[in-house]
Amino acid sequence: MSTNERLKRKGNKKMFTEELLDILEKEIARIIHNTKENKDYNAKNLVNDALRLARYYLKKYDYNQIVFLPGEPNTKTHLKSIDLLPFVTCHPRCLETCGKIRKGKKYNKGLCYVLKMLYRNARTCARLAINTALAIDRPDKFWEGVNLLLMVSRYVRCFVSGDANLPGFFDRLCDTIEANPHCNVQGFSKCYEAVNAYIAKHGNLPKNFKLLLSGWDGMKPDNPYNLPVSDVYDETLPDGWLSCGGNCLNCACVGLGCWKASNGDTVGLKKH
């Protein structure tokens, strides 16, 4: 039975994850195809359209389940990750540059790997759109799903895609991580203000949260608490920097790279 036939039989009843992903993937793929020659249509437009569609279908079909998949949108992670759409959840300091990304490699060298990937994988775009729509419109359901993931996991990534630039998001993330001390969570963030405000209020991040403040070409973190940071390099890892091990699961298990980083350390990521 096709997706459309199943939907006709379901009416507006709750949908299964794969059915909703099928619908959004087709809609997003159609948008990418129809705008590929439009020089004015860029990553900002694609993300906003994907989120608009996800919010519409979540409301229409009363869908409440966050979608976790390992290895998306960065295949080296090999871990499930708490991810959102980029751009709409990233700090404004990132948006002026990354929002210009559009289909075609020649336009995007050195820019956000997630935004570039969305043009190649409409299904991942759909998954991130569902999660972001839940975080915005049904935050209790979103955090219920995050809590369940952490309850049954030993290692989890966050912000492989997106960041914490939603009201109250970073505080809620830390609360959920702290409530699951058996699970170790690692991520990168450019939302320096949210991180610093949390530490100013609570004294420190949860012990099981290995967060690195993320830098990029010329973008240096505001880091009064001397948290570990990440930065990028072109060809040769600078002296004194820790190296990304290239596989988050392996590094988590043996304590390398980002998972090993302590206050004052810098982890080097080759430009991608």
C-alpha atoms as a PDB file:
ATOM      1  CA  MET A   1       0.000   0.000   0.000  1.00  0.00           C
ATOM      2  CA  SER A   2       1.390   3.408  -0.956  1.00  0.00           C
ATOM      3  CA  THR A   3       1.909   6.254   1.496  1.00  0.00           C
ATOM      4  CA  ASN A   4      -0.974   8.191  -0.037  1.00  0.00           C
ATOM      5  CA  GLU A   5      -3.308   5.201   0.242  1.00  0.00           C
ATOM      6  CA  ARG A   6      -2.379   4.709   3.900  1.00  0.00           C
ATOM      7  CA  LEU A   7      -3.001   8.375   4.593  1.00  0.00           C
ATOM      8  CA  LYS A   8      -6.419   8.269   2.977  1.00  0.00           C
ATOM      9  CA  ARG A   9      -7.345   5.422   5.299  1.00  0.00           C
ATOM     10  CA  LYS A  10      -5.834   7.161   8.350  1.00  0.00           C
ATOM     11  CA  GLY A  11      -7.436  10.532   7.757  1.00  0.00           C
ATOM     12  CA  ASN A  12      -6.002  12.898  10.375  1.00  0.00           C
ATOM     13  CA  LYS A  13      -5.017  10.169  12.838  1.00  0.00           C
ATOM     14  CA  LYS A  14      -1.498   9.900  14.210  1.00  0.00           C
ATOM     15  CA  MET A  15       1.130   8.968  11.646  1.00  0.00           C
ATOM     16  CA  PHE A  16       4.059   6.615  11.825  1.00  0.00           C
ATOM     17  CA  THR A  17       7.514   8.175  11.570  1.00  0.00           C
ATOM     18  CA  GLU A  18       8.387   6.657   8.186  1.00  0.00           C
ATOM     19  CA  GLU A  19       5.142   7.893   6.625  1.00  0.00           C
ATOM     20  CA  LEU A  20       5.750  11.460   7.746  1.00  0.00           C
ATOM     21  CA  LEU A  21       9.375  11.303   6.612  1.00  0.00           C
ATOM     22  CA  ASP A  22       8.216  10.010   3.211  1.00  0.00           C
ATOM     23  CA  ILE A  23       5.893  12.976   2.763  1.00  0.00           C
ATOM     24  CA  LEU A  24       8.403  15.614   3.864  1.00  0.00           C
ATOM     25  CA  GLU A  25      11.242  14.066   1.872  1.00  0.00           C
ATOM     26  CA  LYS A  26       9.195  14.229  -1.349  1.00  0.00           C
ATOM     27  CA  GLU A  27       8.081  17.811  -0.673  1.00  0.00           C
ATOM     28  CA  ILE A  28      11.632  18.969   0.097  1.00  0.00           C
ATOM     29  CA  ALA A  29      13.123  17.110  -2.892  1.00  0.00           C
ATOM     30  CA  ARG A  30      10.534  18.775  -5.128  1.00  0.00           C
ATOM     31  CA  ILE A  31      11.489  22.211  -3.761  1.00  0.00           C
ATOM     32  CA  ILE A  32      15.204  21.556  -4.324  1.00  0.00           C
ATOM     33  CA  HIS A  33      14.555  20.387  -7.880  1.00  0.00           C
ATOM     34  CA  ASN A  34      12.256  23.289  -8.757  1.00  0.00           C
ATOM     35  CA  THR A  35      14.650  25.934  -7.416  1.00  0.00           C
ATOM     36  CA  LYS A  36      17.983  24.573  -8.648  1.00  0.00           C
ATOM     37  CA  GLU A  37      18.240  27.252 -11.340  1.00  0.00           C
ATOM     38  CA  ASN A  38      17.003  30.044  -9.077  1.00  0.00           C
ATOM     39  CA  LYS A  39      20.072  32.053  -8.018  1.00  0.00           C
ATOM     40  CA  ASP A  40      18.039  33.876  -5.364  1.00  0.00           C
ATOM     41  CA  TYR A  41      16.996  30.669  -3.583  1.00  0.00           C
ATOM     42  CA  ASN A  42      19.547  29.701  -0.939  1.00  0.00           C
ATOM     43  CA  ALA A  43      19.988  27.604   2.190  1.00  0.00           C
ATOM     44  CA  LYS A  44      18.034  30.065   4.307  1.00  0.00           C
ATOM     45  CA  ASN A  45      15.004  29.628   2.042  1.00  0.00           C
ATOM     46  CA  LEU A  46      15.339  25.833   2.038  1.00  0.00           C
ATOM     47  CA  VAL A  47      15.523  25.584   5.834  1.00  0.00           C
ATOM     48  CA  ASN A  48      12.585  27.928   6.318  1.00  0.00           C
ATOM     49  CA  ASP A  49      10.480  26.008   3.779  1.00  0.00           C
ATOM     50  CA  ALA A  50      11.341  22.649   5.383  1.00  0.00           C
ATOM     51  CA  LEU A  51      10.433  23.935   8.845  1.00  0.00           C
ATOM     52  CA  ARG A  52       7.182  25.447   7.574  1.00  0.00           C
ATOM     53  CA  LEU A  53       6.163  22.107   6.041  1.00  0.00           C
ATOM     54  CA  ALA A  54       7.117  20.144   9.160  1.00  0.00           C
ATOM     55  CA  ARG A  55       5.113  22.436  11.440  1.00  0.00           C
ATOM     56  CA  TYR A  56       2.104  22.098   9.142  1.00  0.00           C
ATOM     57  CA  TYR A  57       2.200  18.293   9.022  1.00  0.00           C
ATOM     58  CA  LEU A  58       2.912  17.881  12.744  1.00  0.00           C
ATOM     59  CA  LYS A  59      -0.193  19.880  13.502  1.00  0.00           C
ATOM     60  CA  LYS A  60      -2.293  18.172  10.832  1.00  0.00           C
ATOM     61  CA  TYR A  61      -1.415  14.635  11.918  1.00  0.00           C
ATOM     62  CA  ASP A  62      -0.856  15.258  15.643  1.00  0.00           C
ATOM     63  CA  TYR A  63       2.673  13.887  15.447  1.00  0.00           C
ATOM     64  CA  ASN A  64       4.770  13.995  18.651  1.00  0.00           C
ATOM     65  CA  GLN A  65       7.859  11.799  18.167  1.00  0.00           C
ATOM     66  CA  ILE A  66      11.399  13.102  17.826  1.00  0.00           C
ATOM     67  CA  VAL A  67      13.526  11.265  15.215  1.00  0.00           C
ATOM     68  CA  PHE A  68      17.036  10.067  16.126  1.00  0.00           C
ATOM     69  CA  LEU A  69      19.337   8.430  13.601  1.00  0.00           C
ATOM     70  CA  PRO A  70      23.080   7.727  13.976  1.00  0.00           C
ATOM     71  CA  GLY A  71      25.534   9.137  11.462  1.00  0.00           C
ATOM     72  CA  GLU A  72      23.448  12.045  10.176  1.00  0.00           C
ATOM     73  CA  PRO A  73      24.257  14.640   9.069  1.00  0.00           C
ATOM     74  CA  ASN A  74      27.934  13.816   9.736  1.00  0.00           C
ATOM     75  CA  THR A  75      28.786  10.177   9.050  1.00  0.00           C
ATOM     76  CA  LYS A  76      31.873  10.121  11.284  1.00  0.00           C
ATOM     77  CA  THR A  77      29.815  10.379  14.479  1.00  0.00           C
ATOM     78  CA  HIS A  78      28.456   6.795  14.595  1.00  0.00           C
ATOM     79  CA  LEU A  79      26.322   7.935  17.518  1.00  0.00           C
ATOM     80  CA  LYS A  80      22.751   9.089  17.846  1.00  0.00           C
ATOM     81  CA  SER A  81      22.582  12.846  18.192  1.00  0.00           C
ATOM     82  CA  ILE A  82      20.267  15.584  19.426  1.00  0.00           C
ATOM     83  CA  ASP A  83      20.068  17.645  16.231  1.00  0.00           C
ATOM     84  CA  LEU A  84      18.040  20.540  14.868  1.00  0.00           C
ATOM     85  CA  LEU A  85      17.871  22.365  11.570  1.00  0.00           C
ATOM     86  CA  PRO A  86      20.806  24.710  11.079  1.00  0.00           C
ATOM     87  CA  PHE A  87      20.336  28.410  10.481  1.00  0.00           C
ATOM     88  CA  VAL A  88      17.035  28.805  12.370  1.00  0.00           C
ATOM     89  CA  THR A  89      18.642  27.476  15.579  1.00  0.00           C
ATOM     90  CA  CYS A  90      22.150  28.891  15.055  1.00  0.00           C
ATOM     91  CA  HIS A  91      23.454  32.097  16.564  1.00  0.00           C
ATOM     92  CA  PRO A  92      22.984  35.231  14.414  1.00  0.00           C
ATOM     93  CA  ARG A  93      26.785  35.555  14.174  1.00  0.00           C
ATOM     94  CA  CYS A  94      26.741  32.524  11.850  1.00  0.00           C
ATOM     95  CA  LEU A  95      23.860  33.500   9.641  1.00  0.00           C
ATOM     96  CA  GLU A  96      25.245  36.213   7.402  1.00  0.00           C
ATOM     97  CA  THR A  97      27.780  33.862   5.821  1.00  0.00           C
ATOM     98  CA  CYS A  98      26.021  30.504   5.941  1.00  0.00           C
ATOM     99  CA  GLY A  99      22.694  31.796   4.665  1.00  0.00           C
ATOM    100  CA  LYS A 100      24.268  32.430   1.265  1.00  0.00           C
ATOM    101  CA  ILE A 101      24.828  28.727   0.625  1.00  0.00           C
ATOM    102  CA  ARG A 102      22.933  27.343  -2.354  1.00  0.00           C
ATOM    103  CA  LYS A 103      23.002  24.282  -4.559  1.00  0.00           C
ATOM    104  CA  GLY A 104      26.330  23.805  -6.319  1.00  0.00           C
ATOM    105  CA  LYS A 105      29.796  23.101  -4.896  1.00  0.00           C
ATOM    106  CA  LYS A 106      31.414  26.159  -6.434  1.00  0.00           C
ATOM    107  CA  TYR A 107      29.291  28.466  -4.258  1.00  0.00           C
ATOM    108  CA  ASN A 108      29.946  26.790  -0.924  1.00  0.00           C
ATOM    109  CA  LYS A 109      33.628  26.066  -0.381  1.00  0.00           C
ATOM    110  CA  GLY A 110      34.544  26.245   3.293  1.00  0.00           C
ATOM    111  CA  LEU A 111      31.012  26.942   4.503  1.00  0.00           C
ATOM    112  CA  CYS A 112      28.601  24.991   6.755  1.00  0.00           C
ATOM    113  CA  TYR A 113      28.725  21.269   5.936  1.00  0.00           C
ATOM    114  CA  VAL A 114      25.187  20.691   7.214  1.00  0.00           C
ATOM    115  CA  LEU A 115      23.579  23.311   5.009  1.00  0.00           C
ATOM    116  CA  LYS A 116      25.445  21.923   2.015  1.00  0.00           C
ATOM    117  CA  MET A 117      24.350  18.396   2.912  1.00  0.00           C
ATOM    118  CA  LEU A 118      20.653  19.333   3.052  1.00  0.00           C
ATOM    119  CA  TYR A 119      20.679  19.823  -0.722  1.00  0.00           C
ATOM    120  CA  ARG A 120      21.987  16.268  -1.170  1.00  0.00           C
ATOM    121  CA  ASN A 121      19.781  14.456   1.345  1.00  0.00           C
ATOM    122  CA  ALA A 122      16.166  15.558   1.513  1.00  0.00           C
ATOM    123  CA  ARG A 123      15.336  12.829   4.052  1.00  0.00           C
ATOM    124  CA  THR A 124      17.867  14.126   6.571  1.00  0.00           C
ATOM    125  CA  CYS A 125      16.465  17.610   6.002  1.00  0.00           C
ATOM    126  CA  ALA A 126      13.006  16.217   6.758  1.00  0.00           C
ATOM    127  CA  ARG A 127      14.213  14.553   9.964  1.00  0.00           C
ATOM    128  CA  LEU A 128      15.848  17.743  11.211  1.00  0.00           C
ATOM    129  CA  ALA A 129      12.726  19.722  10.310  1.00  0.00           C
ATOM    130  CA  ILE A 130      10.531  17.385  12.383  1.00  0.00           C
ATOM    131  CA  ASN A 131      12.808  17.703  15.411  1.00  0.00           C
ATOM    132  CA  THR A 132      12.971  21.481  15.118  1.00  0.00           C
ATOM    133  CA  ALA A 133       9.216  21.821  14.718  1.00  0.00           C
ATOM    134  CA  LEU A 134       8.713  19.729  17.868  1.00  0.00           C
ATOM    135  CA  ALA A 135      11.269  21.792  19.802  1.00  0.00           C
ATOM    136  CA  ILE A 136       9.434  24.979  18.849  1.00  0.00           C
ATOM    137  CA  ASP A 137       5.781  23.945  18.938  1.00  0.00           C
ATOM    138  CA  ARG A 138       5.723  20.972  21.342  1.00  0.00           C
ATOM    139  CA  PRO A 139       8.781  21.334  23.566  1.00  0.00           C
ATOM    140  CA  ASP A 140       7.506  18.962  26.260  1.00  0.00           C
ATOM    141  CA  LYS A 141       7.268  16.169  23.673  1.00  0.00           C
ATOM    142  CA  PHE A 142      10.684  17.058  22.289  1.00  0.00           C
ATOM    143  CA  TRP A 143      12.357  16.859  25.698  1.00  0.00           C
ATOM    144  CA  GLU A 144      10.459  13.722  26.586  1.00  0.00           C
ATOM    145  CA  GLY A 145      12.048  12.123  23.517  1.00  0.00           C
ATOM    146  CA  VAL A 146      15.516  13.441  24.394  1.00  0.00           C
ATOM    147  CA  ASN A 147      15.189  12.109  27.934  1.00  0.00           C
ATOM    148  CA  LEU A 148      14.213   8.664  26.641  1.00  0.00           C
ATOM    149  CA  LEU A 149      17.241   8.623  24.322  1.00  0.00           C
ATOM    150  CA  LEU A 150      19.613   9.491  27.163  1.00  0.00           C
ATOM    151  CA  MET A 151      18.013   6.939  29.471  1.00  0.00           C
ATOM    152  CA  VAL A 152      18.960   4.065  27.159  1.00  0.00           C
ATOM    153  CA  SER A 153      22.333   5.373  25.911  1.00  0.00           C
ATOM    154  CA  ARG A 154      25.882   5.577  27.191  1.00  0.00           C
ATOM    155  CA  TYR A 155      27.179   8.086  24.637  1.00  0.00           C
ATOM    156  CA  VAL A 156      25.206  10.698  22.683  1.00  0.00           C
ATOM    157  CA  ARG A 157      26.199  13.661  20.508  1.00  0.00           C
ATOM    158  CA  CYS A 158      24.418  16.981  20.246  1.00  0.00           C
ATOM    159  CA  PHE A 159      24.541  19.845  17.762  1.00  0.00           C
ATOM    160  CA  VAL A 160      26.020  17.857  14.885  1.00  0.00           C
ATOM    161  CA  SER A 161      23.431  20.012  13.158  1.00  0.00           C
ATOM    162  CA  GLY A 162      21.972  23.196  14.556  1.00  0.00           C
ATOM    163  CA  ASP A 163      22.618  24.887  17.887  1.00  0.00           C
ATOM    164  CA  ALA A 164      20.913  26.125  21.043  1.00  0.00           C
ATOM    165  CA  ASN A 165      19.508  29.427  19.802  1.00  0.00           C
ATOM    166  CA  LEU A 166      15.912  28.761  20.901  1.00  0.00           C
ATOM    167  CA  PRO A 167      14.405  30.261  24.085  1.00  0.00           C
ATOM    168  CA  GLY A 168      15.355  28.193  27.127  1.00  0.00           C
ATOM    169  CA  PHE A 169      16.828  25.390  24.989  1.00  0.00           C
ATOM    170  CA  PHE A 170      20.296  25.216  26.516  1.00  0.00           C
ATOM    171  CA  ASP A 171      19.022  25.208  30.099  1.00  0.00           C
ATOM    172  CA  ARG A 172      16.550  22.434  29.301  1.00  0.00           C
ATOM    173  CA  LEU A 173      19.290  20.447  27.560  1.00  0.00           C
ATOM    174  CA  CYS A 174      21.579  20.679  30.592  1.00  0.00           C
ATOM    175  CA  ASP A 175      18.753  19.732  32.956  1.00  0.00           C
ATOM    176  CA  THR A 176      17.988  16.631  30.887  1.00  0.00           C
ATOM    177  CA  ILE A 177      21.654  15.617  30.653  1.00  0.00           C
ATOM    178  CA  GLU A 178      22.130  16.082  34.401  1.00  0.00           C
ATOM    179  CA  ALA A 179      19.098  13.868  35.067  1.00  0.00           C
ATOM    180  CA  ASN A 180      20.866  11.018  33.211  1.00  0.00           C
ATOM    181  CA  PRO A 181      24.341  10.861  34.793  1.00  0.00           C
ATOM    182  CA  HIS A 182      25.112   7.458  33.224  1.00  0.00           C
ATOM    183  CA  CYS A 183      24.991   8.981  29.720  1.00  0.00           C
ATOM    184  CA  ASN A 184      27.906  11.059  28.413  1.00  0.00           C
ATOM    185  CA  VAL A 185      26.982  13.802  25.949  1.00  0.00           C
ATOM    186  CA  GLN A 186      29.383  15.744  23.737  1.00  0.00           C
ATOM    187  CA  GLY A 187      28.766  18.688  21.444  1.00  0.00           C
ATOM    188  CA  PHE A 188      29.941  21.990  20.007  1.00  0.00           C
ATOM    189  CA  SER A 189      28.183  25.341  20.316  1.00  0.00           C
ATOM    190  CA  LYS A 190      28.578  28.890  19.069  1.00  0.00           C
ATOM    191  CA  CYS A 191      25.818  30.111  21.412  1.00  0.00           C
ATOM    192  CA  TYR A 192      28.428  31.428  23.820  1.00  0.00           C
ATOM    193  CA  GLU A 193      26.011  33.702  25.673  1.00  0.00           C
ATOM    194  CA  ALA A 194      23.643  30.854  26.565  1.00  0.00           C
ATOM    195  CA  VAL A 195      26.519  28.659  27.774  1.00  0.00           C
ATOM    196  CA  ASN A 196      28.113  31.418  29.858  1.00  0.00           C
ATOM    197  CA  ALA A 197      24.757  32.417  31.360  1.00  0.00           C
ATOM    198  CA  TYR A 198      24.121  28.827  32.446  1.00  0.00           C
ATOM    199  CA  ILE A 199      27.532  28.529  34.118  1.00  0.00           C
ATOM    200  CA  ALA A 200      27.105  31.926  35.802  1.00  0.00           C
ATOM    201  CA  LYS A 201      23.830  30.692  37.290  1.00  0.00           C
ATOM    202  CA  HIS A 202      24.747  27.094  38.145  1.00  0.00           C
ATOM    203  CA  GLY A 203      28.510  27.209  38.635  1.00  0.00           C
ATOM    204  CA  ASN A 204      29.376  24.642  35.975  1.00  0.00           C
ATOM    205  CA  LEU A 205      28.019  22.420  33.233  1.00  0.00           C
ATOM    206  CA  PRO A 206      26.769  18.923  34.118  1.00  0.00           C
ATOM    207  CA  LYS A 207      29.717  16.584  34.755  1.00  0.00           C
ATOM    208  CA  ASN A 208      28.581  14.256  31.970  1.00  0.00           C
ATOM    209  CA  PHE A 209      28.352  17.055  29.362  1.00  0.00           C
ATOM    210  CA  LYS A 210      31.543  17.606  27.353  1.00  0.00           C
ATOM    211  CA  LEU A 211      30.795  20.868  25.541  1.00  0.00           C
ATOM    212  CA  LEU A 212      33.320  22.663  23.360  1.00  0.00           C
ATOM    213  CA  LEU A 213      32.828  26.276  22.372  1.00  0.00           C
ATOM    214  CA  SER A 214      33.156  26.286  18.617  1.00  0.00           C
ATOM    215  CA  GLY A 215      35.293  28.722  16.668  1.00  0.00           C
ATOM    216  CA  TRP A 216      35.589  29.228  12.925  1.00  0.00           C
ATOM    217  CA  ASP A 217      37.727  31.376  10.656  1.00  0.00           C
ATOM    218  CA  GLY A 218      38.219  34.563  12.670  1.00  0.00           C
ATOM    219  CA  MET A 219      35.350  33.701  15.052  1.00  0.00           C
ATOM    220  CA  LYS A 220      36.815  33.367  18.539  1.00  0.00           C
ATOM    221  CA  PRO A 221      34.625  32.145  21.416  1.00  0.00           C
ATOM    222  CA  ASP A 222      33.714  34.383  24.320  1.00  0.00           C
ATOM    223  CA  ASN A 223      35.130  32.018  26.938  1.00  0.00           C
ATOM    224  CA  PRO A 224      35.432  33.525  30.432  1.00  0.00           C
ATOM    225  CA  TYR A 225      35.240  30.080  32.063  1.00  0.00           C
ATOM    226  CA  ASN A 226      38.110  28.643  29.988  1.00  0.00           C
ATOM    227  CA  LEU A 227      36.031  25.823  28.532  1.00  0.00           C
ATOM    228  CA  PRO A 228      37.622  23.607  25.892  1.00  0.00           C
ATOM    229  CA  VAL A 229      37.225  25.031  22.403  1.00  0.00           C
ATOM    230  CA  SER A 230      37.384  23.810  18.835  1.00  0.00           C
ATOM    231  CA  ASP A 231      38.878  25.598  15.859  1.00  0.00           C
ATOM    232  CA  VAL A 232      39.621  24.794  12.241  1.00  0.00           C
ATOM    233  CA  TYR A 233      42.859  24.456  10.317  1.00  0.00           C
ATOM    234  CA  ASP A 234      43.729  24.094   6.642  1.00  0.00           C
ATOM    235  CA  GLU A 235      46.439  21.432   6.316  1.00  0.00           C
ATOM    236  CA  THR A 236      48.659  21.070   9.417  1.00  0.00           C
ATOM    237  CA  LEU A 237      47.385  20.695  12.986  1.00  0.00           C
ATOM    238  CA  PRO A 238      48.880  23.550  15.058  1.00  0.00           C
ATOM    239  CA  ASP A 239      51.239  22.581  17.887  1.00  0.00           C
ATOM    240  CA  GLY A 240      49.507  21.937  21.189  1.00  0.00           C
ATOM    241  CA  TRP A 241      46.082  21.249  19.711  1.00  0.00           C
ATOM    242  CA  LEU A 242      44.258  17.962  20.200  1.00  0.00           C
ATOM    243  CA  SER A 243      43.283  16.160  17.018  1.00  0.00           C
ATOM    244  CA  CYS A 244      39.805  15.019  16.023  1.00  0.00           C
ATOM    245  CA  GLY A 245      39.958  11.227  15.920  1.00  0.00           C
ATOM    246  CA  GLY A 246      37.456  10.992  13.067  1.00  0.00           C
ATOM    247  CA  ASN A 247      35.026   8.599  14.796  1.00  0.00           C
ATOM    248  CA  CYS A 248      33.015   9.906  17.751  1.00  0.00           C
ATOM    249  CA  LEU A 249      32.092   6.449  19.036  1.00  0.00           C
ATOM    250  CA  ASN A 250      35.712   5.252  19.110  1.00  0.00           C
ATOM    251  CA  CYS A 251      36.938   8.471  20.736  1.00  0.00           C
ATOM    252  CA  ALA A 252      34.190   8.295  23.361  1.00  0.00           C
ATOM    253  CA  CYS A 253      35.051   4.700  24.277  1.00  0.00           C
ATOM    254  CA  VAL A 254      38.800   5.245  24.636  1.00  0.00           C
ATOM    255  CA  GLY A 255      38.830   8.919  25.679  1.00  0.00           C
ATOM    256  CA  LEU A 256      40.410  10.713  22.726  1.00  0.00           C
ATOM    257  CA  GLY A 257      39.978  14.052  20.960  1.00  0.00           C
ATOM    258  CA  CYS A 258      36.910  16.044  21.900  1.00  0.00           C
ATOM    259  CA  TRP A 259      35.868  13.564  24.599  1.00  0.00           C
ATOM    260  CA  LYS A 260      39.258  13.983  26.297  1.00  0.00           C
ATOM    261  CA  ALA A 261      39.416  17.790  26.055  1.00  0.00           C
ATOM    262  CA  SER A 262      39.757  19.665  29.340  1.00  0.00           C
ATOM    263  CA  ASN A 263      39.477  23.330  30.213  1.00  0.00           C
ATOM    264  CA  GLY A 264      41.995  25.333  28.213  1.00  0.00           C
ATOM    265  CA  ASP A 265      42.371  22.718  25.448  1.00  0.00           C
ATOM    266  CA  THR A 266      41.784  23.326  21.737  1.00  0.00           C
ATOM    267  CA  VAL A 267      40.600  20.556  19.433  1.00  0.00           C
ATOM    268  CA  GLY A 268      41.536  21.023  15.783  1.00  0.00           C
ATOM    269  CA  LEU A 269      39.070  20.169  13.032  1.00  0.00           C
ATOM    270  CA  LYS A 270      40.268  20.151   9.447  1.00  0.00           C
ATOM    271  CA  LYS A 271      38.139  22.397   7.258  1.00  0.00           C
ATOM    272  CA  HIS A 272      35.267  20.468   5.689  1.00  0.00           C
END
